[in-house]
Amino acid sequence: MFKQISIVTLIALLTACGGGDGDGAVSTGTGSSTGTSNAPQDESTGTSSNSATMLVDTSGGEAVIPPTVTSSATSMSSMSVPSSFSYNPNVSQSFVVDVSGYAASNATITLYRAFTENNNGTYSADYNSSIATALLINGQGTIDIVNTTSQYYLLAEVWFDDGTSPIQKRIPNTDTSWIW
């Protein structure tokens, strides 16, 4: 009986150790994929690693960034909040896109919260920060998003089905449309 219990325990222990290839690497992924992108990615950061053919629309305004509020209150009981203040940090927004002046083919637009500006004026999106994706029919469409009040800029990337060079635009929180 002891021998059978020992064998079962040993099998359970060996199974729990996993198969691995012996290199000591640990996988933290879930094994599922939420989407694909045509852009090459840097696996360690999830950002685009090559944006040489990306065109950037530099038109548009600046984001409205409210001034920092300071208070002399030293405790919660001494603070006063106006009754009109909203504690809801989310804002629903529809964004109208018309890039048919650039290319009138079907395309996919994706909006990202996190991105960095490259030395050549293009942007590298953090593909893990995608908040919405929509199809553009003949270069036109609407994308509905829920954004936070503290997100002052988004990055839009449009990839065309016909192979036209993709385009980008940094969108301030004041814009509700993108017309090229």
N, C-alpha and C. Protein backbone atom coordinates (compact mmCIF):
# COMPACT_ATOMS: atom_id res chain seq x y z
N MET A 1 0.82 -1.19 0.00
CA MET A 1 0.00 0.00 0.00
C MET A 1 0.87 1.26 0.00
N PHE A 2 1.93 1.25 0.82
CA PHE A 2 2.83 2.40 0.89
C PHE A 2 3.48 2.67 -0.46
N LYS A 3 3.82 1.59 -1.17
CA LYS A 3 4.47 1.72 -2.47
C LYS A 3 3.53 2.40 -3.48
N GLN A 4 2.25 2.06 -3.46
CA GLN A 4 1.27 2.65 -4.38
C GLN A 4 1.08 4.14 -4.08
N ILE A 5 0.99 4.49 -2.81
CA ILE A 5 0.84 5.90 -2.43
C ILE A 5 2.07 6.70 -2.84
N SER A 6 3.24 6.11 -2.66
CA SER A 6 4.48 6.78 -3.05
C SER A 6 4.53 7.01 -4.56
N ILE A 7 4.11 6.03 -5.34
CA ILE A 7 4.12 6.17 -6.80
C ILE A 7 3.13 7.25 -7.24
N VAL A 8 1.93 7.27 -6.68
CA VAL A 8 0.92 8.28 -7.02
C VAL A 8 1.44 9.67 -6.65
N THR A 9 2.05 9.80 -5.48
CA THR A 9 2.60 11.09 -5.05
C THR A 9 3.72 11.54 -5.97
N LEU A 10 4.59 10.63 -6.35
CA LEU A 10 5.69 10.95 -7.25
C LEU A 10 5.17 11.40 -8.61
N ILE A 11 4.16 10.71 -9.14
CA ILE A 11 3.57 11.10 -10.43
C ILE A 11 2.94 12.48 -10.33
N ALA A 12 2.23 12.75 -9.24
CA ALA A 12 1.61 14.07 -9.05
C ALA A 12 2.67 15.16 -8.96
N LEU A 13 3.77 14.88 -8.27
CA LEU A 13 4.85 15.86 -8.15
C LEU A 13 5.49 16.15 -9.50
N LEU A 14 5.76 15.12 -10.26
CA LEU A 14 6.38 15.30 -11.58
C LEU A 14 5.44 16.03 -12.53
N THR A 15 4.15 15.75 -12.45
CA THR A 15 3.18 16.44 -13.29
C THR A 15 3.10 17.91 -12.92
N ALA A 16 3.16 18.23 -11.65
CA ALA A 16 3.07 19.61 -11.18
C ALA A 16 4.27 20.43 -11.61
N CYS A 17 5.41 19.78 -11.84
CA CYS A 17 6.61 20.50 -12.26
C CYS A 17 6.48 21.02 -13.68
N GLY A 18 5.62 20.46 -14.48
CA GLY A 18 5.42 20.93 -15.85
C GLY A 18 6.41 20.32 -16.80
N GLY A 19 6.20 20.58 -18.10
CA GLY A 19 7.04 19.99 -19.12
C GLY A 19 8.25 20.83 -19.41
N GLY A 20 8.07 22.09 -19.71
CA GLY A 20 9.17 23.01 -19.96
C GLY A 20 10.26 22.45 -20.82
N ASP A 21 11.17 23.29 -21.28
CA ASP A 21 12.28 22.82 -22.09
C ASP A 21 13.59 22.87 -21.32
N GLY A 22 13.50 23.13 -20.02
CA GLY A 22 14.68 23.09 -19.18
C GLY A 22 15.52 24.35 -19.17
N ASP A 23 15.05 25.44 -19.84
CA ASP A 23 15.86 26.65 -19.87
C ASP A 23 15.60 27.56 -18.69
N GLY A 24 14.68 27.19 -17.82
CA GLY A 24 14.41 27.98 -16.62
C GLY A 24 13.47 29.14 -16.85
N ALA A 25 12.99 29.32 -18.09
CA ALA A 25 12.09 30.44 -18.38
C ALA A 25 10.73 30.16 -17.79
N VAL A 26 10.07 31.22 -17.33
CA VAL A 26 8.75 31.11 -16.76
C VAL A 26 7.78 31.81 -17.68
N SER A 27 6.69 31.16 -18.01
CA SER A 27 5.68 31.76 -18.87
C SER A 27 4.58 32.34 -18.00
N THR A 28 4.22 33.60 -18.24
CA THR A 28 3.15 34.23 -17.48
C THR A 28 1.95 34.51 -18.35
N GLY A 29 1.98 34.10 -19.60
CA GLY A 29 0.87 34.36 -20.52
C GLY A 29 -0.30 33.45 -20.23
N THR A 30 -1.45 33.80 -20.83
CA THR A 30 -2.65 33.01 -20.64
C THR A 30 -2.85 32.02 -21.75
N GLY A 31 -2.07 32.16 -22.82
CA GLY A 31 -2.21 31.24 -23.92
C GLY A 31 -3.29 31.65 -24.90
N SER A 32 -3.95 32.77 -24.67
CA SER A 32 -4.98 33.22 -25.60
C SER A 32 -4.54 34.53 -26.22
N SER A 33 -5.13 34.83 -27.35
CA SER A 33 -4.79 36.06 -28.06
C SER A 33 -6.05 36.88 -28.22
N THR A 34 -5.96 38.18 -28.01
CA THR A 34 -7.12 39.04 -28.14
C THR A 34 -7.17 39.75 -29.47
N GLY A 35 -6.16 39.63 -30.28
CA GLY A 35 -6.19 40.30 -31.57
C GLY A 35 -4.82 40.29 -32.20
N THR A 36 -4.78 40.69 -33.46
CA THR A 36 -3.52 40.74 -34.16
C THR A 36 -3.35 42.10 -34.78
N SER A 37 -2.13 42.41 -35.12
CA SER A 37 -1.83 43.68 -35.75
C SER A 37 -0.88 43.43 -36.89
N ASN A 38 -0.98 44.25 -37.92
CA ASN A 38 -0.07 44.13 -39.05
C ASN A 38 1.28 44.76 -38.74
N ALA A 39 1.36 45.55 -37.69
CA ALA A 39 2.60 46.25 -37.37
C ALA A 39 3.52 45.34 -36.59
N PRO A 40 4.83 45.40 -36.88
CA PRO A 40 5.77 44.62 -36.08
C PRO A 40 5.79 45.14 -34.65
N GLN A 41 5.93 44.22 -33.69
CA GLN A 41 5.92 44.63 -32.30
C GLN A 41 7.20 44.22 -31.61
N ASP A 42 7.57 45.04 -30.63
CA ASP A 42 8.65 44.69 -29.72
C ASP A 42 8.00 43.85 -28.63
N GLU A 43 8.32 42.58 -28.55
CA GLU A 43 7.66 41.65 -27.64
C GLU A 43 7.78 42.08 -26.19
N SER A 44 8.85 42.75 -25.80
CA SER A 44 9.05 43.08 -24.39
C SER A 44 8.19 44.25 -23.94
N THR A 45 7.82 45.15 -24.86
CA THR A 45 7.05 46.31 -24.45
C THR A 45 5.68 46.38 -25.05
N GLY A 46 5.39 45.60 -26.11
CA GLY A 46 4.10 45.66 -26.76
C GLY A 46 3.94 46.89 -27.62
N THR A 47 5.04 47.54 -27.99
CA THR A 47 4.96 48.74 -28.81
C THR A 47 5.43 48.45 -30.22
N SER A 48 5.05 49.32 -31.11
CA SER A 48 5.46 49.19 -32.50
C SER A 48 6.96 49.42 -32.60
N SER A 49 7.64 48.56 -33.37
CA SER A 49 9.09 48.70 -33.46
C SER A 49 9.54 49.28 -34.79
N ASN A 50 8.61 49.47 -35.74
CA ASN A 50 9.00 50.00 -37.04
C ASN A 50 7.88 50.88 -37.54
N SER A 51 8.11 52.16 -37.62
CA SER A 51 7.08 53.07 -38.09
C SER A 51 7.60 53.94 -39.21
N ALA A 52 8.53 53.42 -40.03
CA ALA A 52 9.15 54.20 -41.09
C ALA A 52 8.16 54.58 -42.18
N THR A 53 7.15 53.74 -42.46
CA THR A 53 6.20 54.04 -43.52
C THR A 53 4.93 54.68 -43.00
N MET A 54 4.86 54.98 -41.74
CA MET A 54 3.66 55.55 -41.13
C MET A 54 3.58 57.04 -41.44
N LEU A 55 2.42 57.50 -41.92
CA LEU A 55 2.19 58.92 -42.14
C LEU A 55 1.44 59.47 -40.93
N VAL A 56 1.74 60.72 -40.56
CA VAL A 56 1.16 61.31 -39.37
C VAL A 56 0.42 62.58 -39.75
N ASP A 57 -0.85 62.67 -39.32
CA ASP A 57 -1.64 63.89 -39.49
C ASP A 57 -1.35 64.78 -38.29
N THR A 58 -0.72 65.91 -38.53
CA THR A 58 -0.32 66.80 -37.43
C THR A 58 -1.32 67.93 -37.21
N SER A 59 -2.43 67.93 -37.94
CA SER A 59 -3.44 68.97 -37.72
C SER A 59 -4.17 68.69 -36.42
N GLY A 60 -4.89 69.65 -35.94
CA GLY A 60 -5.67 69.46 -34.73
C GLY A 60 -5.24 70.39 -33.63
N GLY A 61 -6.04 70.40 -32.60
CA GLY A 61 -5.81 71.33 -31.51
C GLY A 61 -5.04 70.73 -30.36
N GLU A 62 -5.05 71.46 -29.29
CA GLU A 62 -4.39 71.04 -28.07
C GLU A 62 -5.45 70.58 -27.07
N ALA A 63 -5.08 69.69 -26.21
CA ALA A 63 -5.99 69.19 -25.19
C ALA A 63 -6.23 70.26 -24.13
N VAL A 64 -7.41 70.20 -23.55
CA VAL A 64 -7.72 71.09 -22.44
C VAL A 64 -7.28 70.37 -21.16
N ILE A 65 -6.25 70.87 -20.54
CA ILE A 65 -5.73 70.28 -19.31
C ILE A 65 -6.02 71.25 -18.18
N PRO A 66 -6.90 70.86 -17.25
CA PRO A 66 -7.27 71.79 -16.18
C PRO A 66 -6.10 72.07 -15.25
N PRO A 67 -6.10 73.24 -14.64
CA PRO A 67 -5.01 73.56 -13.71
C PRO A 67 -5.09 72.67 -12.46
N THR A 68 -3.96 72.47 -11.85
CA THR A 68 -3.90 71.69 -10.62
C THR A 68 -4.52 72.51 -9.50
N VAL A 69 -5.40 71.88 -8.75
CA VAL A 69 -6.08 72.55 -7.65
C VAL A 69 -5.34 72.24 -6.36
N THR A 70 -5.03 73.26 -5.62
CA THR A 70 -4.38 73.06 -4.32
C THR A 70 -5.36 73.44 -3.22
N SER A 71 -5.14 72.92 -2.05
CA SER A 71 -6.03 73.19 -0.94
C SER A 71 -5.21 73.34 0.33
N SER A 72 -5.70 74.18 1.21
CA SER A 72 -5.04 74.34 2.50
C SER A 72 -5.67 73.44 3.56
N ALA A 73 -6.66 72.65 3.16
CA ALA A 73 -7.33 71.76 4.11
C ALA A 73 -6.34 70.70 4.60
N THR A 74 -6.42 70.42 5.88
CA THR A 74 -5.52 69.42 6.47
C THR A 74 -6.26 68.15 6.88
N SER A 75 -7.58 68.14 6.77
CA SER A 75 -8.36 66.94 7.08
C SER A 75 -9.56 66.89 6.15
N MET A 76 -10.15 65.71 6.03
CA MET A 76 -11.31 65.55 5.15
C MET A 76 -12.48 66.40 5.62
N SER A 77 -12.64 66.55 6.92
CA SER A 77 -13.78 67.30 7.44
C SER A 77 -13.68 68.80 7.13
N SER A 78 -12.48 69.29 6.86
CA SER A 78 -12.33 70.72 6.56
C SER A 78 -12.42 71.01 5.06
N MET A 79 -12.61 69.97 4.24
CA MET A 79 -12.73 70.18 2.79
C MET A 79 -14.17 70.46 2.42
N SER A 80 -14.35 71.28 1.40
CA SER A 80 -15.70 71.51 0.88
C SER A 80 -15.68 71.24 -0.62
N VAL A 81 -16.66 70.49 -1.08
CA VAL A 81 -16.76 70.12 -2.48
C VAL A 81 -18.06 70.71 -3.01
N PRO A 82 -17.99 71.44 -4.13
CA PRO A 82 -19.22 72.01 -4.70
C PRO A 82 -20.22 70.91 -5.06
N SER A 83 -21.50 71.20 -4.92
CA SER A 83 -22.52 70.19 -5.21
C SER A 83 -22.55 69.82 -6.69
N SER A 84 -22.02 70.66 -7.55
CA SER A 84 -22.01 70.37 -8.99
C SER A 84 -20.83 69.48 -9.40
N PHE A 85 -19.93 69.17 -8.46
CA PHE A 85 -18.76 68.35 -8.78
C PHE A 85 -19.18 66.92 -9.09
N SER A 86 -18.63 66.36 -10.15
CA SER A 86 -18.93 64.99 -10.54
C SER A 86 -17.76 64.09 -10.16
N TYR A 87 -18.07 63.03 -9.44
CA TYR A 87 -17.05 62.05 -9.07
C TYR A 87 -16.87 60.98 -10.14
N ASN A 88 -17.67 61.04 -11.19
CA ASN A 88 -17.60 60.05 -12.26
C ASN A 88 -16.44 60.41 -13.20
N PRO A 89 -15.41 59.58 -13.29
CA PRO A 89 -14.26 59.91 -14.12
C PRO A 89 -14.42 59.50 -15.59
N ASN A 90 -15.58 58.93 -15.95
CA ASN A 90 -15.77 58.44 -17.31
C ASN A 90 -16.60 59.39 -18.16
N VAL A 91 -16.23 59.49 -19.43
CA VAL A 91 -16.94 60.34 -20.38
C VAL A 91 -17.21 59.50 -21.63
N SER A 92 -18.48 59.41 -22.04
CA SER A 92 -18.81 58.72 -23.29
C SER A 92 -18.64 59.70 -24.43
N GLN A 93 -18.10 59.21 -25.53
CA GLN A 93 -17.79 60.09 -26.64
C GLN A 93 -17.92 59.33 -27.95
N SER A 94 -18.51 59.98 -28.96
CA SER A 94 -18.52 59.45 -30.32
C SER A 94 -17.52 60.25 -31.12
N PHE A 95 -16.73 59.55 -31.90
CA PHE A 95 -15.68 60.18 -32.67
C PHE A 95 -15.91 59.86 -34.15
N VAL A 96 -16.14 60.90 -34.96
CA VAL A 96 -16.41 60.74 -36.38
C VAL A 96 -15.10 60.79 -37.14
N VAL A 97 -14.88 59.79 -38.01
CA VAL A 97 -13.64 59.69 -38.77
C VAL A 97 -13.97 59.71 -40.26
N ASP A 98 -13.26 60.56 -41.00
CA ASP A 98 -13.38 60.61 -42.46
C ASP A 98 -11.99 60.84 -43.03
N VAL A 99 -11.35 59.76 -43.43
CA VAL A 99 -10.02 59.85 -44.03
C VAL A 99 -10.09 59.54 -45.53
N SER A 100 -11.29 59.70 -46.11
CA SER A 100 -11.47 59.40 -47.53
C SER A 100 -10.71 60.37 -48.42
N GLY A 101 -10.33 61.52 -47.90
CA GLY A 101 -9.48 62.44 -48.66
C GLY A 101 -8.07 61.90 -48.84
N TYR A 102 -7.68 60.97 -48.00
CA TYR A 102 -6.36 60.33 -48.11
C TYR A 102 -6.48 59.03 -48.89
N ALA A 103 -7.42 58.18 -48.48
CA ALA A 103 -7.65 56.91 -49.16
C ALA A 103 -9.09 56.50 -48.92
N ALA A 104 -9.80 56.21 -49.99
CA ALA A 104 -11.22 55.87 -49.89
C ALA A 104 -11.44 54.36 -49.92
N SER A 105 -10.60 53.62 -49.23
CA SER A 105 -10.76 52.17 -49.16
C SER A 105 -11.19 51.78 -47.75
N ASN A 106 -11.59 50.55 -47.59
CA ASN A 106 -11.96 50.06 -46.27
C ASN A 106 -10.71 49.99 -45.40
N ALA A 107 -10.91 50.23 -44.11
CA ALA A 107 -9.77 50.29 -43.19
C ALA A 107 -10.23 49.93 -41.79
N THR A 108 -9.27 49.82 -40.90
CA THR A 108 -9.53 49.58 -39.49
C THR A 108 -8.86 50.69 -38.70
N ILE A 109 -9.63 51.31 -37.79
CA ILE A 109 -9.07 52.34 -36.90
C ILE A 109 -9.02 51.77 -35.49
N THR A 110 -7.92 52.05 -34.81
CA THR A 110 -7.76 51.63 -33.42
C THR A 110 -7.30 52.84 -32.62
N LEU A 111 -7.89 53.01 -31.44
CA LEU A 111 -7.51 54.09 -30.53
C LEU A 111 -6.72 53.51 -29.36
N TYR A 112 -5.65 54.20 -28.99
CA TYR A 112 -4.76 53.76 -27.91
C TYR A 112 -4.64 54.86 -26.86
N ARG A 113 -4.58 54.46 -25.60
CA ARG A 113 -4.36 55.40 -24.50
C ARG A 113 -2.87 55.72 -24.34
N ALA A 114 -2.01 54.73 -24.47
CA ALA A 114 -0.58 54.91 -24.20
C ALA A 114 0.20 54.86 -25.51
N PHE A 115 1.08 55.83 -25.68
CA PHE A 115 1.93 55.89 -26.86
C PHE A 115 3.07 56.84 -26.59
N THR A 116 4.12 56.74 -27.41
CA THR A 116 5.26 57.63 -27.29
C THR A 116 5.56 58.24 -28.65
N GLU A 117 6.09 59.44 -28.64
CA GLU A 117 6.47 60.10 -29.88
C GLU A 117 7.90 59.73 -30.22
N ASN A 118 8.12 59.34 -31.47
CA ASN A 118 9.45 58.98 -31.94
C ASN A 118 10.19 60.23 -32.42
N ASN A 119 11.49 60.12 -32.59
CA ASN A 119 12.31 61.25 -33.05
C ASN A 119 11.90 61.75 -34.43
N ASN A 120 11.33 60.87 -35.27
CA ASN A 120 10.96 61.27 -36.63
C ASN A 120 9.54 61.82 -36.73
N GLY A 121 8.86 62.03 -35.60
CA GLY A 121 7.53 62.62 -35.60
C GLY A 121 6.40 61.62 -35.63
N THR A 122 6.70 60.34 -35.83
CA THR A 122 5.67 59.32 -35.76
C THR A 122 5.48 58.90 -34.31
N TYR A 123 4.52 58.02 -34.08
CA TYR A 123 4.23 57.56 -32.73
C TYR A 123 4.35 56.05 -32.67
N SER A 124 4.72 55.55 -31.51
CA SER A 124 4.73 54.12 -31.25
C SER A 124 3.62 53.84 -30.25
N ALA A 125 2.63 53.09 -30.70
CA ALA A 125 1.50 52.77 -29.83
C ALA A 125 1.86 51.62 -28.91
N ASP A 126 1.38 51.69 -27.69
CA ASP A 126 1.46 50.54 -26.79
C ASP A 126 0.21 49.72 -27.10
N TYR A 127 0.38 48.65 -27.87
CA TYR A 127 -0.77 47.88 -28.34
C TYR A 127 -1.56 47.24 -27.21
N ASN A 128 -1.01 47.18 -26.02
CA ASN A 128 -1.74 46.67 -24.87
C ASN A 128 -2.71 47.71 -24.31
N SER A 129 -2.66 48.96 -24.80
CA SER A 129 -3.52 50.02 -24.28
C SER A 129 -4.67 50.35 -25.23
N SER A 130 -4.96 49.47 -26.17
CA SER A 130 -6.04 49.69 -27.12
C SER A 130 -7.38 49.80 -26.38
N ILE A 131 -8.17 50.84 -26.71
CA ILE A 131 -9.46 51.00 -26.05
C ILE A 131 -10.64 50.76 -26.98
N ALA A 132 -10.43 50.88 -28.29
CA ALA A 132 -11.53 50.66 -29.23
C ALA A 132 -10.98 50.43 -30.63
N THR A 133 -11.71 49.63 -31.38
CA THR A 133 -11.38 49.36 -32.77
C THR A 133 -12.68 49.39 -33.56
N ALA A 134 -12.63 49.96 -34.76
CA ALA A 134 -13.83 50.02 -35.61
C ALA A 134 -13.41 49.92 -37.07
N LEU A 135 -14.36 49.51 -37.89
CA LEU A 135 -14.14 49.44 -39.32
C LEU A 135 -14.52 50.77 -39.96
N LEU A 136 -13.74 51.18 -40.94
CA LEU A 136 -14.07 52.35 -41.74
C LEU A 136 -14.45 51.85 -43.12
N ILE A 137 -15.64 52.18 -43.57
CA ILE A 137 -16.10 51.80 -44.90
C ILE A 137 -15.83 52.97 -45.83
N ASN A 138 -15.05 52.72 -46.87
CA ASN A 138 -14.63 53.78 -47.80
C ASN A 138 -13.98 54.95 -47.07
N GLY A 139 -13.26 54.66 -46.01
CA GLY A 139 -12.53 55.69 -45.26
C GLY A 139 -13.36 56.46 -44.27
N GLN A 140 -14.61 56.05 -44.02
CA GLN A 140 -15.48 56.79 -43.13
C GLN A 140 -16.10 55.88 -42.08
N GLY A 141 -16.34 56.44 -40.89
CA GLY A 141 -16.99 55.69 -39.84
C GLY A 141 -17.07 56.47 -38.55
N THR A 142 -17.66 55.86 -37.56
CA THR A 142 -17.79 56.45 -36.23
C THR A 142 -17.31 55.42 -35.22
N ILE A 143 -16.59 55.90 -34.24
CA ILE A 143 -16.11 55.01 -33.18
C ILE A 143 -16.58 55.58 -31.84
N ASP A 144 -17.26 54.74 -31.07
CA ASP A 144 -17.78 55.14 -29.76
C ASP A 144 -16.84 54.64 -28.68
N ILE A 145 -16.48 55.53 -27.77
CA ILE A 145 -15.55 55.17 -26.70
C ILE A 145 -16.05 55.68 -25.36
N VAL A 146 -15.55 55.07 -24.32
CA VAL A 146 -15.70 55.59 -22.97
C VAL A 146 -14.29 55.94 -22.53
N ASN A 147 -14.06 57.21 -22.29
CA ASN A 147 -12.74 57.71 -21.95
C ASN A 147 -12.76 58.26 -20.53
N THR A 148 -11.60 58.44 -19.95
CA THR A 148 -11.53 59.04 -18.62
C THR A 148 -11.27 60.53 -18.76
N THR A 149 -11.70 61.28 -17.77
CA THR A 149 -11.51 62.73 -17.81
C THR A 149 -10.05 63.12 -17.69
N SER A 150 -9.20 62.21 -17.23
CA SER A 150 -7.77 62.52 -17.08
C SER A 150 -6.95 62.09 -18.29
N GLN A 151 -7.59 61.54 -19.32
CA GLN A 151 -6.90 61.13 -20.55
C GLN A 151 -6.98 62.30 -21.53
N TYR A 152 -5.88 63.02 -21.70
CA TYR A 152 -5.90 64.24 -22.50
C TYR A 152 -5.64 63.99 -23.98
N TYR A 153 -4.93 62.91 -24.32
CA TYR A 153 -4.65 62.59 -25.71
C TYR A 153 -4.84 61.09 -25.95
N LEU A 154 -5.31 60.76 -27.14
CA LEU A 154 -5.36 59.38 -27.62
C LEU A 154 -4.58 59.32 -28.91
N LEU A 155 -4.15 58.13 -29.28
CA LEU A 155 -3.51 57.93 -30.58
C LEU A 155 -4.44 57.10 -31.44
N ALA A 156 -4.72 57.59 -32.64
CA ALA A 156 -5.51 56.84 -33.62
C ALA A 156 -4.57 56.31 -34.69
N GLU A 157 -4.71 55.04 -35.01
CA GLU A 157 -3.97 54.44 -36.12
C GLU A 157 -4.98 53.85 -37.08
N VAL A 158 -4.80 54.13 -38.37
CA VAL A 158 -5.67 53.58 -39.40
C VAL A 158 -4.83 52.72 -40.33
N TRP A 159 -5.25 51.47 -40.48
CA TRP A 159 -4.59 50.51 -41.37
C TRP A 159 -5.57 50.19 -42.48
N PHE A 160 -5.15 50.39 -43.74
CA PHE A 160 -6.02 50.21 -44.90
C PHE A 160 -5.93 48.79 -45.44
N ASP A 161 -7.08 48.27 -45.89
CA ASP A 161 -7.14 46.91 -46.43
C ASP A 161 -6.40 46.77 -47.76
N ASP A 162 -6.29 47.86 -48.53
CA ASP A 162 -5.67 47.76 -49.86
C ASP A 162 -4.16 47.96 -49.84
N GLY A 163 -3.56 48.08 -48.66
CA GLY A 163 -2.11 48.22 -48.58
C GLY A 163 -1.62 49.66 -48.60
N THR A 164 -2.53 50.64 -48.65
CA THR A 164 -2.13 52.04 -48.57
C THR A 164 -1.38 52.26 -47.26
N SER A 165 -0.38 53.13 -47.27
CA SER A 165 0.40 53.39 -46.06
C SER A 165 -0.53 53.78 -44.91
N PRO A 166 -0.32 53.20 -43.74
CA PRO A 166 -1.16 53.53 -42.58
C PRO A 166 -0.91 54.96 -42.11
N ILE A 167 -1.89 55.50 -41.40
CA ILE A 167 -1.78 56.87 -40.90
C ILE A 167 -2.06 56.90 -39.41
N GLN A 168 -1.54 57.95 -38.76
CA GLN A 168 -1.71 58.15 -37.32
C GLN A 168 -2.13 59.59 -37.06
N LYS A 169 -2.78 59.78 -35.93
CA LYS A 169 -3.08 61.12 -35.45
C LYS A 169 -3.17 61.09 -33.94
N ARG A 170 -2.53 62.07 -33.31
CA ARG A 170 -2.68 62.27 -31.87
C ARG A 170 -3.92 63.13 -31.69
N ILE A 171 -4.88 62.61 -30.96
CA ILE A 171 -6.18 63.27 -30.84
C ILE A 171 -6.31 63.89 -29.45
N PRO A 172 -6.51 65.20 -29.38
CA PRO A 172 -6.74 65.83 -28.07
C PRO A 172 -8.16 65.57 -27.58
N ASN A 173 -8.39 65.72 -26.29
CA ASN A 173 -9.70 65.46 -25.71
C ASN A 173 -10.76 66.46 -26.16
N THR A 174 -10.37 67.50 -26.88
CA THR A 174 -11.32 68.50 -27.36
C THR A 174 -11.90 68.15 -28.73
N ASP A 175 -11.29 67.22 -29.45
CA ASP A 175 -11.74 66.88 -30.80
C ASP A 175 -12.83 65.82 -30.77
N THR A 176 -13.79 65.95 -31.69
CA THR A 176 -14.85 64.95 -31.84
C THR A 176 -14.87 64.38 -33.25
N SER A 177 -13.94 64.84 -34.09
CA SER A 177 -13.88 64.30 -35.45
C SER A 177 -12.46 64.38 -35.99
N TRP A 178 -12.22 63.56 -37.01
CA TRP A 178 -10.94 63.56 -37.72
C TRP A 178 -11.26 63.49 -39.20
N ILE A 179 -11.02 64.58 -39.89
CA ILE A 179 -11.27 64.65 -41.33
C ILE A 179 -9.96 64.94 -42.02
N TRP A 180 -9.59 64.08 -42.97
CA TRP A 180 -8.33 64.24 -43.71
C TRP A 180 -8.68 64.67 -45.11
